[in-house]
Amino acid sequence: MGDDVGAVARHGLLASVRDLLMAVRVAKSDLPTRQETVPTGAAGVLAAINAIDGEPVGGCHLKDLAARCALDPSTVSRAVAALVRSGLVARTADPADGRASVLTVTPPGRQALDEFNRLADERLADALRHWSPEDIAVLAALLRRFSADLMTRTDRPLEVAR
């Protein structure tokens, strides 16, 4: 009996996760129409480069970026190329290994990311206007826990983005 209850709860959770993923896709697809600076689909990669760039080492390699984003290197490479073409990311030779490149967010890239985040925050604020700060904090904590638990069940060495 207890196992049946757990299975029913997990099926409900799976349906909710599908709904969440759909809502995120819809919300993401609406943002570029209001914000043209960041190439479509590259905001997450730009945010990850910015986060890594803020770490003590500064800058990042494509391989590390792909791992941080849990994406295939070819997918990340295309997003980085679009960000470089847009002037939002700089690609420079790695002083320790001239064959490798170091990626850093440019000042216009930080400005574009700030604007993108501002628009995303407006969307969240509107969607959550009837939620208490406590409910938002509980949801955030549960999503972090859920993500971390899912990540521990993979064979791929992935890092949950912060």
N, C-alpha and C. Protein backbone atom coordinates (compact mmCIF):
# COMPACT_ATOMS: atom_id res chain seq x y z
N MET A 1 0.83 -1.20 0.00
CA MET A 1 0.00 0.00 0.00
C MET A 1 0.87 1.25 0.00
N GLY A 2 1.86 1.32 0.91
CA GLY A 2 2.73 2.49 0.98
C GLY A 2 3.47 2.73 -0.31
N ASP A 3 3.90 1.65 -0.99
CA ASP A 3 4.61 1.78 -2.26
C ASP A 3 3.70 2.35 -3.34
N ASP A 4 2.41 1.95 -3.33
CA ASP A 4 1.45 2.48 -4.30
C ASP A 4 1.26 3.98 -4.11
N VAL A 5 1.20 4.41 -2.84
CA VAL A 5 1.05 5.84 -2.54
C VAL A 5 2.28 6.60 -3.06
N GLY A 6 3.46 6.03 -2.85
CA GLY A 6 4.69 6.67 -3.34
C GLY A 6 4.70 6.75 -4.85
N ALA A 7 4.26 5.69 -5.53
CA ALA A 7 4.22 5.69 -7.00
C ALA A 7 3.24 6.74 -7.51
N VAL A 8 2.09 6.85 -6.87
CA VAL A 8 1.10 7.85 -7.28
C VAL A 8 1.68 9.26 -7.08
N ALA A 9 2.35 9.48 -5.96
CA ALA A 9 2.95 10.79 -5.70
C ALA A 9 4.03 11.10 -6.74
N ARG A 10 4.86 10.11 -7.08
CA ARG A 10 5.91 10.33 -8.08
C ARG A 10 5.33 10.62 -9.46
N HIS A 11 4.24 9.93 -9.81
CA HIS A 11 3.59 10.19 -11.10
C HIS A 11 3.03 11.62 -11.13
N GLY A 12 2.46 12.05 -10.01
CA GLY A 12 1.98 13.43 -9.92
C GLY A 12 3.12 14.42 -10.04
N LEU A 13 4.25 14.11 -9.41
CA LEU A 13 5.41 14.98 -9.50
C LEU A 13 5.93 15.05 -10.94
N LEU A 14 5.98 13.91 -11.60
CA LEU A 14 6.44 13.89 -13.00
C LEU A 14 5.55 14.77 -13.87
N ALA A 15 4.25 14.70 -13.68
CA ALA A 15 3.33 15.56 -14.43
C ALA A 15 3.58 17.03 -14.11
N SER A 16 3.84 17.33 -12.85
CA SER A 16 4.12 18.71 -12.46
C SER A 16 5.44 19.21 -13.04
N VAL A 17 6.43 18.34 -13.10
CA VAL A 17 7.72 18.72 -13.69
C VAL A 17 7.52 19.01 -15.18
N ARG A 18 6.74 18.18 -15.87
CA ARG A 18 6.46 18.44 -17.29
C ARG A 18 5.77 19.79 -17.46
N ASP A 19 4.80 20.10 -16.60
CA ASP A 19 4.11 21.39 -16.66
C ASP A 19 5.10 22.53 -16.41
N LEU A 20 5.99 22.35 -15.45
CA LEU A 20 6.98 23.38 -15.14
C LEU A 20 7.91 23.61 -16.33
N LEU A 21 8.40 22.52 -16.93
CA LEU A 21 9.29 22.66 -18.09
C LEU A 21 8.60 23.38 -19.24
N MET A 22 7.33 23.08 -19.45
CA MET A 22 6.57 23.75 -20.50
C MET A 22 6.43 25.24 -20.17
N ALA A 23 6.11 25.56 -18.93
CA ALA A 23 5.96 26.96 -18.53
C ALA A 23 7.27 27.72 -18.69
N VAL A 24 8.39 27.07 -18.35
CA VAL A 24 9.70 27.71 -18.50
C VAL A 24 9.99 27.96 -19.98
N ARG A 25 9.70 26.97 -20.84
CA ARG A 25 9.92 27.17 -22.29
C ARG A 25 9.10 28.33 -22.81
N VAL A 26 7.84 28.42 -22.41
CA VAL A 26 6.97 29.50 -22.86
C VAL A 26 7.51 30.84 -22.36
N ALA A 27 7.89 30.90 -21.09
CA ALA A 27 8.40 32.15 -20.53
C ALA A 27 9.70 32.57 -21.22
N LYS A 28 10.60 31.60 -21.47
CA LYS A 28 11.86 31.91 -22.15
C LYS A 28 11.62 32.39 -23.58
N SER A 29 10.68 31.78 -24.26
CA SER A 29 10.44 32.17 -25.64
C SER A 29 9.82 33.56 -25.73
N ASP A 30 9.16 34.00 -24.69
CA ASP A 30 8.55 35.33 -24.68
C ASP A 30 9.58 36.42 -24.39
N LEU A 31 10.63 36.11 -23.64
CA LEU A 31 11.61 37.13 -23.27
C LEU A 31 12.36 37.73 -24.45
N PRO A 32 12.86 36.92 -25.43
CA PRO A 32 13.61 37.54 -26.52
C PRO A 32 12.82 38.55 -27.33
N THR A 33 11.47 38.43 -27.35
CA THR A 33 10.70 39.41 -28.10
C THR A 33 10.76 40.78 -27.43
N ARG A 34 11.03 40.80 -26.15
CA ARG A 34 11.14 42.06 -25.41
C ARG A 34 12.59 42.47 -25.20
N GLN A 35 13.53 41.56 -25.48
CA GLN A 35 14.94 41.81 -25.17
C GLN A 35 15.78 41.15 -26.26
N GLU A 36 16.28 41.95 -27.17
CA GLU A 36 16.97 41.42 -28.35
C GLU A 36 18.48 41.34 -28.20
N THR A 37 19.06 41.83 -27.12
CA THR A 37 20.51 41.90 -27.01
C THR A 37 21.18 40.54 -26.89
N VAL A 38 20.63 39.65 -26.08
CA VAL A 38 21.21 38.33 -25.88
C VAL A 38 20.65 37.39 -26.95
N PRO A 39 21.53 36.71 -27.71
CA PRO A 39 21.02 35.79 -28.73
C PRO A 39 20.08 34.75 -28.13
N THR A 40 19.04 34.41 -28.88
CA THR A 40 18.04 33.44 -28.43
C THR A 40 18.72 32.15 -27.99
N GLY A 41 18.35 31.70 -26.80
CA GLY A 41 18.87 30.44 -26.28
C GLY A 41 20.24 30.52 -25.63
N ALA A 42 20.84 31.70 -25.60
CA ALA A 42 22.20 31.83 -25.07
C ALA A 42 22.27 32.49 -23.70
N ALA A 43 21.15 32.89 -23.14
CA ALA A 43 21.16 33.59 -21.85
C ALA A 43 21.73 32.72 -20.74
N GLY A 44 21.37 31.44 -20.72
CA GLY A 44 21.89 30.54 -19.68
C GLY A 44 23.39 30.37 -19.79
N VAL A 45 23.91 30.27 -21.01
CA VAL A 45 25.35 30.14 -21.22
C VAL A 45 26.05 31.43 -20.81
N LEU A 46 25.48 32.57 -21.17
CA LEU A 46 26.06 33.85 -20.76
C LEU A 46 26.08 33.97 -19.23
N ALA A 47 25.00 33.57 -18.58
CA ALA A 47 24.95 33.62 -17.11
C ALA A 47 25.99 32.69 -16.50
N ALA A 48 26.19 31.51 -17.09
CA ALA A 48 27.18 30.57 -16.56
C ALA A 48 28.59 31.11 -16.73
N ILE A 49 28.90 31.71 -17.89
CA ILE A 49 30.23 32.32 -18.08
C ILE A 49 30.43 33.42 -17.06
N ASN A 50 29.41 34.22 -16.84
CA ASN A 50 29.50 35.30 -15.87
C ASN A 50 29.75 34.76 -14.46
N ALA A 51 29.06 33.67 -14.10
CA ALA A 51 29.25 33.08 -12.77
C ALA A 51 30.66 32.53 -12.61
N ILE A 52 31.14 31.83 -13.64
CA ILE A 52 32.49 31.28 -13.58
C ILE A 52 33.52 32.41 -13.59
N ASP A 53 33.26 33.44 -14.39
CA ASP A 53 34.16 34.59 -14.49
C ASP A 53 34.29 35.29 -13.15
N GLY A 54 33.25 35.22 -12.33
CA GLY A 54 33.29 35.84 -11.01
C GLY A 54 34.04 35.04 -9.97
N GLU A 55 34.41 33.80 -10.32
CA GLU A 55 35.15 32.95 -9.38
C GLU A 55 36.62 33.39 -9.38
N PRO A 56 37.38 32.99 -8.37
CA PRO A 56 38.77 33.46 -8.25
C PRO A 56 39.64 33.26 -9.49
N VAL A 57 39.43 32.17 -10.23
CA VAL A 57 40.26 31.92 -11.41
C VAL A 57 39.98 32.94 -12.50
N GLY A 58 38.73 33.30 -12.72
CA GLY A 58 38.35 34.26 -13.74
C GLY A 58 38.40 33.65 -15.12
N GLY A 59 37.33 33.83 -15.89
CA GLY A 59 37.25 33.24 -17.21
C GLY A 59 37.01 31.74 -17.12
N CYS A 60 36.73 31.14 -18.27
CA CYS A 60 36.48 29.70 -18.26
C CYS A 60 36.82 29.11 -19.62
N HIS A 61 36.99 27.80 -19.63
CA HIS A 61 37.20 27.05 -20.86
C HIS A 61 35.87 26.47 -21.31
N LEU A 62 35.74 26.24 -22.60
CA LEU A 62 34.51 25.70 -23.16
C LEU A 62 34.12 24.37 -22.51
N LYS A 63 35.09 23.50 -22.27
CA LYS A 63 34.82 22.20 -21.66
C LYS A 63 34.20 22.37 -20.26
N ASP A 64 34.77 23.27 -19.47
CA ASP A 64 34.23 23.52 -18.12
C ASP A 64 32.84 24.14 -18.19
N LEU A 65 32.65 25.02 -19.17
CA LEU A 65 31.36 25.66 -19.35
C LEU A 65 30.29 24.63 -19.72
N ALA A 66 30.63 23.72 -20.62
CA ALA A 66 29.68 22.67 -21.02
C ALA A 66 29.29 21.82 -19.81
N ALA A 67 30.27 21.48 -18.99
CA ALA A 67 29.97 20.69 -17.78
C ALA A 67 29.08 21.48 -16.83
N ARG A 68 29.37 22.75 -16.64
CA ARG A 68 28.57 23.59 -15.73
C ARG A 68 27.12 23.69 -16.22
N CYS A 69 26.95 23.78 -17.55
CA CYS A 69 25.61 23.92 -18.12
C CYS A 69 24.92 22.58 -18.35
N ALA A 70 25.64 21.48 -18.17
CA ALA A 70 25.12 20.13 -18.43
C ALA A 70 24.63 20.02 -19.87
N LEU A 71 25.45 20.58 -20.79
CA LEU A 71 25.13 20.54 -22.21
C LEU A 71 26.28 19.93 -22.98
N ASP A 72 25.97 19.44 -24.17
CA ASP A 72 26.99 18.92 -25.05
C ASP A 72 27.93 20.06 -25.47
N PRO A 73 29.25 19.80 -25.54
CA PRO A 73 30.18 20.87 -25.94
C PRO A 73 29.84 21.52 -27.28
N SER A 74 29.29 20.77 -28.24
CA SER A 74 28.95 21.38 -29.53
C SER A 74 27.81 22.39 -29.38
N THR A 75 26.86 22.10 -28.51
CA THR A 75 25.75 23.02 -28.25
C THR A 75 26.28 24.30 -27.61
N VAL A 76 27.16 24.13 -26.62
CA VAL A 76 27.74 25.29 -25.94
C VAL A 76 28.61 26.09 -26.90
N SER A 77 29.34 25.40 -27.76
CA SER A 77 30.21 26.07 -28.73
C SER A 77 29.39 26.99 -29.65
N ARG A 78 28.24 26.53 -30.10
CA ARG A 78 27.38 27.37 -30.96
C ARG A 78 26.88 28.59 -30.19
N ALA A 79 26.46 28.39 -28.94
CA ALA A 79 25.97 29.51 -28.14
C ALA A 79 27.09 30.51 -27.89
N VAL A 80 28.30 30.01 -27.58
CA VAL A 80 29.45 30.89 -27.34
C VAL A 80 29.79 31.67 -28.61
N ALA A 81 29.76 31.01 -29.76
CA ALA A 81 30.05 31.70 -31.02
C ALA A 81 29.07 32.86 -31.24
N ALA A 82 27.79 32.64 -30.95
CA ALA A 82 26.79 33.70 -31.09
C ALA A 82 27.06 34.83 -30.10
N LEU A 83 27.46 34.49 -28.88
CA LEU A 83 27.76 35.51 -27.87
C LEU A 83 29.00 36.31 -28.25
N VAL A 84 30.00 35.65 -28.82
CA VAL A 84 31.22 36.34 -29.26
C VAL A 84 30.88 37.28 -30.42
N ARG A 85 30.11 36.77 -31.41
CA ARG A 85 29.70 37.62 -32.55
C ARG A 85 28.92 38.85 -32.08
N SER A 86 28.13 38.68 -31.02
CA SER A 86 27.34 39.80 -30.49
C SER A 86 28.15 40.75 -29.62
N GLY A 87 29.41 40.40 -29.34
CA GLY A 87 30.25 41.25 -28.51
C GLY A 87 29.98 41.12 -27.02
N LEU A 88 29.23 40.09 -26.63
CA LEU A 88 28.88 39.91 -25.22
C LEU A 88 29.91 39.07 -24.47
N VAL A 89 30.69 38.29 -25.20
CA VAL A 89 31.72 37.44 -24.62
C VAL A 89 33.01 37.63 -25.42
N ALA A 90 34.13 37.65 -24.71
CA ALA A 90 35.44 37.72 -25.35
C ALA A 90 36.11 36.36 -25.27
N ARG A 91 36.78 35.99 -26.35
CA ARG A 91 37.52 34.73 -26.40
C ARG A 91 38.99 35.13 -26.58
N THR A 92 39.83 34.75 -25.58
CA THR A 92 41.25 35.06 -25.65
C THR A 92 42.05 33.78 -25.46
N ALA A 93 43.29 33.82 -25.95
CA ALA A 93 44.17 32.66 -25.80
C ALA A 93 44.48 32.44 -24.32
N ASP A 94 44.47 31.19 -23.90
CA ASP A 94 44.82 30.84 -22.52
C ASP A 94 46.33 31.00 -22.38
N PRO A 95 46.80 31.83 -21.46
CA PRO A 95 48.25 32.02 -21.31
C PRO A 95 48.98 30.74 -20.91
N ALA A 96 48.27 29.82 -20.24
CA ALA A 96 48.89 28.57 -19.81
C ALA A 96 48.89 27.52 -20.93
N ASP A 97 47.96 27.65 -21.88
CA ASP A 97 47.84 26.68 -22.97
C ASP A 97 47.31 27.43 -24.19
N GLY A 98 48.21 27.85 -25.06
CA GLY A 98 47.85 28.66 -26.22
C GLY A 98 46.85 27.99 -27.16
N ARG A 99 46.69 26.68 -27.06
CA ARG A 99 45.71 26.00 -27.91
C ARG A 99 44.29 26.19 -27.40
N ALA A 100 44.15 26.52 -26.14
CA ALA A 100 42.83 26.69 -25.53
C ALA A 100 42.45 28.16 -25.47
N SER A 101 41.15 28.40 -25.37
CA SER A 101 40.63 29.76 -25.24
C SER A 101 40.02 29.95 -23.86
N VAL A 102 40.11 31.17 -23.38
CA VAL A 102 39.46 31.56 -22.13
C VAL A 102 38.31 32.49 -22.50
N LEU A 103 37.14 32.21 -21.94
CA LEU A 103 35.94 33.00 -22.20
C LEU A 103 35.66 33.92 -21.03
N THR A 104 35.40 35.17 -21.34
CA THR A 104 35.02 36.14 -20.30
C THR A 104 33.86 36.99 -20.82
N VAL A 105 33.04 37.45 -19.92
CA VAL A 105 31.92 38.32 -20.28
C VAL A 105 32.46 39.74 -20.43
N THR A 106 32.09 40.39 -21.51
CA THR A 106 32.51 41.77 -21.76
C THR A 106 31.60 42.72 -20.97
N PRO A 107 31.99 43.98 -20.82
CA PRO A 107 31.09 44.93 -20.16
C PRO A 107 29.71 45.01 -20.85
N PRO A 108 29.64 45.05 -22.19
CA PRO A 108 28.29 45.02 -22.79
C PRO A 108 27.55 43.71 -22.48
N GLY A 109 28.29 42.62 -22.32
CA GLY A 109 27.68 41.35 -21.96
C GLY A 109 27.08 41.40 -20.57
N ARG A 110 27.78 42.02 -19.63
CA ARG A 110 27.24 42.16 -18.27
C ARG A 110 26.00 43.04 -18.27
N GLN A 111 26.05 44.09 -19.07
CA GLN A 111 24.89 44.98 -19.17
C GLN A 111 23.69 44.24 -19.78
N ALA A 112 23.93 43.47 -20.82
CA ALA A 112 22.85 42.70 -21.46
C ALA A 112 22.30 41.65 -20.49
N LEU A 113 23.18 41.00 -19.74
CA LEU A 113 22.74 39.99 -18.78
C LEU A 113 21.92 40.64 -17.66
N ASP A 114 22.36 41.80 -17.20
CA ASP A 114 21.58 42.53 -16.18
C ASP A 114 20.18 42.87 -16.69
N GLU A 115 20.10 43.31 -17.95
CA GLU A 115 18.80 43.65 -18.54
C GLU A 115 17.94 42.40 -18.70
N PHE A 116 18.54 41.32 -19.17
CA PHE A 116 17.81 40.06 -19.32
C PHE A 116 17.28 39.60 -17.96
N ASN A 117 18.14 39.65 -16.94
CA ASN A 117 17.73 39.25 -15.59
C ASN A 117 16.64 40.16 -15.04
N ARG A 118 16.71 41.45 -15.37
CA ARG A 118 15.68 42.39 -14.91
C ARG A 118 14.32 42.00 -15.52
N LEU A 119 14.33 41.69 -16.82
CA LEU A 119 13.08 41.29 -17.48
C LEU A 119 12.55 39.96 -16.92
N ALA A 120 13.46 39.01 -16.69
CA ALA A 120 13.05 37.73 -16.11
C ALA A 120 12.49 37.93 -14.71
N ASP A 121 13.12 38.83 -13.93
CA ASP A 121 12.63 39.10 -12.58
C ASP A 121 11.25 39.75 -12.62
N GLU A 122 11.03 40.64 -13.58
CA GLU A 122 9.69 41.23 -13.73
C GLU A 122 8.66 40.15 -13.99
N ARG A 123 9.01 39.19 -14.86
CA ARG A 123 8.09 38.10 -15.18
C ARG A 123 7.80 37.28 -13.93
N LEU A 124 8.86 36.95 -13.17
CA LEU A 124 8.66 36.17 -11.94
C LEU A 124 7.84 36.95 -10.93
N ALA A 125 8.16 38.23 -10.76
CA ALA A 125 7.42 39.05 -9.79
C ALA A 125 5.94 39.08 -10.13
N ASP A 126 5.63 39.20 -11.43
CA ASP A 126 4.23 39.22 -11.84
C ASP A 126 3.57 37.87 -11.58
N ALA A 127 4.26 36.77 -11.93
CA ALA A 127 3.70 35.44 -11.75
C ALA A 127 3.51 35.10 -10.27
N LEU A 128 4.39 35.61 -9.42
CA LEU A 128 4.38 35.26 -7.99
C LEU A 128 3.77 36.36 -7.11
N ARG A 129 3.06 37.28 -7.71
CA ARG A 129 2.56 38.44 -6.96
C ARG A 129 1.65 38.07 -5.79
N HIS A 130 1.02 36.90 -5.85
CA HIS A 130 0.13 36.47 -4.76
C HIS A 130 0.81 35.49 -3.82
N TRP A 131 2.09 35.25 -4.02
CA TRP A 131 2.84 34.33 -3.16
C TRP A 131 3.50 35.13 -2.04
N SER A 132 3.61 34.50 -0.87
CA SER A 132 4.35 35.14 0.23
C SER A 132 5.85 34.91 0.01
N PRO A 133 6.69 35.78 0.55
CA PRO A 133 8.14 35.55 0.46
C PRO A 133 8.53 34.19 1.06
N GLU A 134 7.82 33.77 2.09
CA GLU A 134 8.12 32.47 2.70
C GLU A 134 7.83 31.32 1.73
N ASP A 135 6.69 31.40 1.02
CA ASP A 135 6.35 30.36 0.04
C ASP A 135 7.39 30.31 -1.09
N ILE A 136 7.83 31.47 -1.53
CA ILE A 136 8.85 31.53 -2.58
C ILE A 136 10.15 30.90 -2.09
N ALA A 137 10.53 31.20 -0.86
CA ALA A 137 11.77 30.63 -0.29
C ALA A 137 11.65 29.11 -0.15
N VAL A 138 10.49 28.63 0.28
CA VAL A 138 10.29 27.18 0.42
C VAL A 138 10.38 26.51 -0.95
N LEU A 139 9.72 27.08 -1.95
CA LEU A 139 9.79 26.52 -3.30
C LEU A 139 11.24 26.48 -3.80
N ALA A 140 11.96 27.57 -3.62
CA ALA A 140 13.37 27.63 -4.06
C ALA A 140 14.20 26.55 -3.36
N ALA A 141 14.01 26.40 -2.07
CA ALA A 141 14.77 25.39 -1.32
C ALA A 141 14.42 23.98 -1.79
N LEU A 142 13.14 23.72 -2.00
CA LEU A 142 12.73 22.38 -2.45
C LEU A 142 13.23 22.10 -3.86
N LEU A 143 13.21 23.10 -4.74
CA LEU A 143 13.73 22.90 -6.09
C LEU A 143 15.24 22.64 -6.08
N ARG A 144 15.99 23.35 -5.23
CA ARG A 144 17.43 23.09 -5.10
C ARG A 144 17.67 21.66 -4.61
N ARG A 145 16.91 21.24 -3.61
CA ARG A 145 17.06 19.88 -3.07
C ARG A 145 16.71 18.84 -4.13
N PHE A 146 15.61 19.05 -4.84
CA PHE A 146 15.17 18.13 -5.89
C PHE A 146 16.23 18.04 -6.99
N SER A 147 16.74 19.19 -7.43
CA SER A 147 17.77 19.21 -8.47
C SER A 147 19.02 18.48 -8.02
N ALA A 148 19.45 18.75 -6.81
CA ALA A 148 20.66 18.10 -6.29
C ALA A 148 20.47 16.59 -6.20
N ASP A 149 19.30 16.15 -5.73
CA ASP A 149 19.04 14.72 -5.63
C ASP A 149 18.99 14.06 -7.01
N LEU A 150 18.40 14.73 -7.98
CA LEU A 150 18.39 14.19 -9.35
C LEU A 150 19.81 14.09 -9.91
N MET A 151 20.62 15.10 -9.64
CA MET A 151 21.99 15.13 -10.17
C MET A 151 22.84 14.01 -9.58
N THR A 152 22.54 13.58 -8.38
CA THR A 152 23.33 12.50 -7.79
C THR A 152 22.99 11.14 -8.41
N ARG A 153 21.94 11.09 -9.21
CA ARG A 153 21.52 9.82 -9.81
C ARG A 153 21.99 9.67 -11.25
N THR A 154 22.86 10.53 -11.71
CA THR A 154 23.33 10.47 -13.09
C THR A 154 24.73 9.86 -13.15
N ASP A 155 25.04 9.25 -14.26
CA ASP A 155 26.38 8.72 -14.48
C ASP A 155 27.33 9.79 -14.99
N ARG A 156 26.77 10.90 -15.48
CA ARG A 156 27.58 11.98 -16.02
C ARG A 156 28.06 12.86 -14.88
N PRO A 157 29.32 13.27 -14.90
CA PRO A 157 29.81 14.19 -13.86
C PRO A 157 29.31 15.60 -14.14
N LEU A 158 28.23 15.98 -13.48
CA LEU A 158 27.63 17.29 -13.69
C LEU A 158 27.69 18.10 -12.42
N GLU A 159 27.66 19.40 -12.61
CA GLU A 159 27.62 20.31 -11.48
C GLU A 159 26.35 21.13 -11.58
N VAL A 160 25.58 21.21 -10.52
CA VAL A 160 24.37 22.02 -10.52
C VAL A 160 24.79 23.47 -10.49
N ALA A 161 24.31 24.24 -11.47
CA ALA A 161 24.65 25.66 -11.52
C ALA A 161 24.10 26.37 -10.29
N ARG A 162 24.84 27.35 -9.83
CA ARG A 162 24.42 28.08 -8.65
C ARG A 162 23.65 29.30 -9.04
